Amino acid sequence: MGCHTVLPKRSLIRLVRQPEGVQIDPTGKLAGRGAYLHNRRSCWERGLKGPLAHALKVDLTPADLEHLREFMLTLTEESEAAGAGQ
């Protein structure tokens, strides 16, 4: 949803809409509507501008955005995902 590069699901980070807010799902098994982002900061920056909320069919709360931005800052700009689509 960020850069629209297609990769296997296992190489992406799943986010899921839950009653307590949007959660990062490292196992890929949490119940709820899910969406996937690459493990690159640039994809997260694009996704947090609106496509993620649209995909999850939810309005991201300030708490959701803060939590997701904190996680985003742990990501590198370049990662293994960058070269995997070549």
C-alpha atoms as a PDB file:
ATOM      1  CA  MET A   1       0.000   0.000   0.000  1.00  0.00           C
ATOM      2  CA  GLY A   2       2.974   2.294   0.470  1.00  0.00           C
ATOM      3  CA  CYS A   3       5.044   1.746  -2.670  1.00  0.00           C
ATOM      4  CA  HIS A   4       2.841  -0.908  -4.356  1.00  0.00           C
ATOM      5  CA  THR A   5       5.756  -3.334  -4.809  1.00  0.00           C
ATOM      6  CA  VAL A   6       4.493  -6.906  -4.604  1.00  0.00           C
ATOM      7  CA  LEU A   7       6.384  -9.213  -2.223  1.00  0.00           C
ATOM      8  CA  PRO A   8       5.479 -12.429  -0.400  1.00  0.00           C
ATOM      9  CA  LYS A   9       3.275 -11.820   2.655  1.00  0.00           C
ATOM     10  CA  ARG A  10       5.876 -13.297   4.995  1.00  0.00           C
ATOM     11  CA  SER A  11       8.343 -10.544   4.092  1.00  0.00           C
ATOM     12  CA  LEU A  12       5.863  -7.766   4.971  1.00  0.00           C
ATOM     13  CA  ILE A  13       4.713  -6.309   8.287  1.00  0.00           C
ATOM     14  CA  ARG A  14       1.039  -6.913   9.047  1.00  0.00           C
ATOM     15  CA  LEU A  15      -1.058  -4.336  10.833  1.00  0.00           C
ATOM     16  CA  VAL A  16      -4.468  -5.245  12.154  1.00  0.00           C
ATOM     17  CA  ARG A  17      -7.503  -3.280  13.266  1.00  0.00           C
ATOM     18  CA  GLN A  18      -8.635  -4.305  16.733  1.00  0.00           C
ATOM     19  CA  PRO A  19     -11.136  -2.792  19.187  1.00  0.00           C
ATOM     20  CA  GLU A  20      -8.243  -1.321  21.207  1.00  0.00           C
ATOM     21  CA  GLY A  21      -6.697   0.281  18.109  1.00  0.00           C
ATOM     22  CA  VAL A  22      -4.364  -0.594  15.260  1.00  0.00           C
ATOM     23  CA  GLN A  23      -1.757  -3.170  16.290  1.00  0.00           C
ATOM     24  CA  ILE A  24       1.429  -4.453  14.681  1.00  0.00           C
ATOM     25  CA  ASP A  25       0.977  -8.190  14.177  1.00  0.00           C
ATOM     26  CA  PRO A  26       4.391  -9.910  14.058  1.00  0.00           C
ATOM     27  CA  THR A  27       2.787 -13.375  13.981  1.00  0.00           C
ATOM     28  CA  GLY A  28       0.322 -12.600  11.191  1.00  0.00           C
ATOM     29  CA  LYS A  29      -2.358 -14.431  13.170  1.00  0.00           C
ATOM     30  CA  LEU A  30      -4.264 -11.741  15.071  1.00  0.00           C
ATOM     31  CA  ALA A  31      -7.972 -11.623  14.297  1.00  0.00           C
ATOM     32  CA  GLY A  32      -9.256  -8.525  12.563  1.00  0.00           C
ATOM     33  CA  ARG A  33      -8.992  -6.632   9.319  1.00  0.00           C
ATOM     34  CA  GLY A  34      -5.359  -6.526   8.261  1.00  0.00           C
ATOM     35  CA  ALA A  35      -3.091  -4.584   5.933  1.00  0.00           C
ATOM     36  CA  TYR A  36       0.559  -5.029   4.985  1.00  0.00           C
ATOM     37  CA  LEU A  37       3.504  -2.650   4.689  1.00  0.00           C
ATOM     38  CA  HIS A  38       7.142  -3.231   3.738  1.00  0.00           C
ATOM     39  CA  ASN A  39       9.773  -2.927   6.413  1.00  0.00           C
ATOM     40  CA  ARG A  40      11.016   0.353   4.908  1.00  0.00           C
ATOM     41  CA  ARG A  41      10.465   3.726   6.506  1.00  0.00           C
ATOM     42  CA  SER A  42       9.447   5.358   3.202  1.00  0.00           C
ATOM     43  CA  CYS A  43       6.586   2.869   2.751  1.00  0.00           C
ATOM     44  CA  TRP A  44       5.341   3.567   6.272  1.00  0.00           C
ATOM     45  CA  GLU A  45       5.509   7.329   5.721  1.00  0.00           C
ATOM     46  CA  ARG A  46       3.307   6.974   2.636  1.00  0.00           C
ATOM     47  CA  GLY A  47       0.969   4.501   4.320  1.00  0.00           C
ATOM     48  CA  LEU A  48       0.402   6.686   7.377  1.00  0.00           C
ATOM     49  CA  LYS A  49      -0.692   9.592   5.168  1.00  0.00           C
ATOM     50  CA  GLY A  50      -3.990   7.843   4.444  1.00  0.00           C
ATOM     51  CA  PRO A  51      -3.755   4.553   2.553  1.00  0.00           C
ATOM     52  CA  LEU A  52      -3.359   2.511   5.758  1.00  0.00           C
ATOM     53  CA  ALA A  53      -6.485   3.992   7.344  1.00  0.00           C
ATOM     54  CA  HIS A  54      -8.381   3.397   4.098  1.00  0.00           C
ATOM     55  CA  ALA A  55      -7.206  -0.233   3.843  1.00  0.00           C
ATOM     56  CA  LEU A  56      -8.143  -0.933   7.471  1.00  0.00           C
ATOM     57  CA  LYS A  57     -11.428   1.007   7.111  1.00  0.00           C
ATOM     58  CA  VAL A  58     -10.719   2.975  10.280  1.00  0.00           C
ATOM     59  CA  ASP A  59      -9.831   6.505  11.331  1.00  0.00           C
ATOM     60  CA  LEU A  60      -6.401   6.336  12.932  1.00  0.00           C
ATOM     61  CA  THR A  61      -6.455   7.940  16.366  1.00  0.00           C
ATOM     62  CA  PRO A  62      -3.605  10.158  17.566  1.00  0.00           C
ATOM     63  CA  ALA A  63      -2.550   7.258  19.843  1.00  0.00           C
ATOM     64  CA  ASP A  64      -2.515   4.857  16.849  1.00  0.00           C
ATOM     65  CA  LEU A  65      -0.419   7.294  14.819  1.00  0.00           C
ATOM     66  CA  GLU A  66       2.038   7.825  17.661  1.00  0.00           C
ATOM     67  CA  HIS A  67       2.445   4.069  18.198  1.00  0.00           C
ATOM     68  CA  LEU A  68       2.922   3.402  14.471  1.00  0.00           C
ATOM     69  CA  ARG A  69       5.363   6.296  14.018  1.00  0.00           C
ATOM     70  CA  GLU A  70       7.455   5.039  16.946  1.00  0.00           C
ATOM     71  CA  PHE A  71       7.665   1.644  15.254  1.00  0.00           C
ATOM     72  CA  MET A  72       8.414   3.286  11.894  1.00  0.00           C
ATOM     73  CA  LEU A  73      11.445   5.039  13.401  1.00  0.00           C
ATOM     74  CA  THR A  74      12.968   1.626  14.204  1.00  0.00           C
ATOM     75  CA  LEU A  75      12.974   0.752  10.491  1.00  0.00           C
ATOM     76  CA  THR A  76      15.810   1.513   8.121  1.00  0.00           C
ATOM     77  CA  GLU A  77      15.268   3.332   4.863  1.00  0.00           C
ATOM     78  CA  GLU A  78      16.912   0.559   2.870  1.00  0.00           C
ATOM     79  CA  SER A  79      16.268  -3.053   3.779  1.00  0.00           C
ATOM     80  CA  GLU A  80      16.177  -6.507   2.331  1.00  0.00           C
ATOM     81  CA  ALA A  81      12.673  -5.744   1.051  1.00  0.00           C
ATOM     82  CA  ALA A  82      14.124  -3.076  -1.242  1.00  0.00           C
ATOM     83  CA  GLY A  83      16.071  -5.568  -3.324  1.00  0.00           C
ATOM     84  CA  ALA A  84      13.661  -8.480  -3.122  1.00  0.00           C
ATOM     85  CA  GLY A  85      11.423  -7.269  -5.944  1.00  0.00           C
ATOM     86  CA  GLN A  86      14.271  -7.136  -8.473  1.00  0.00           C
END
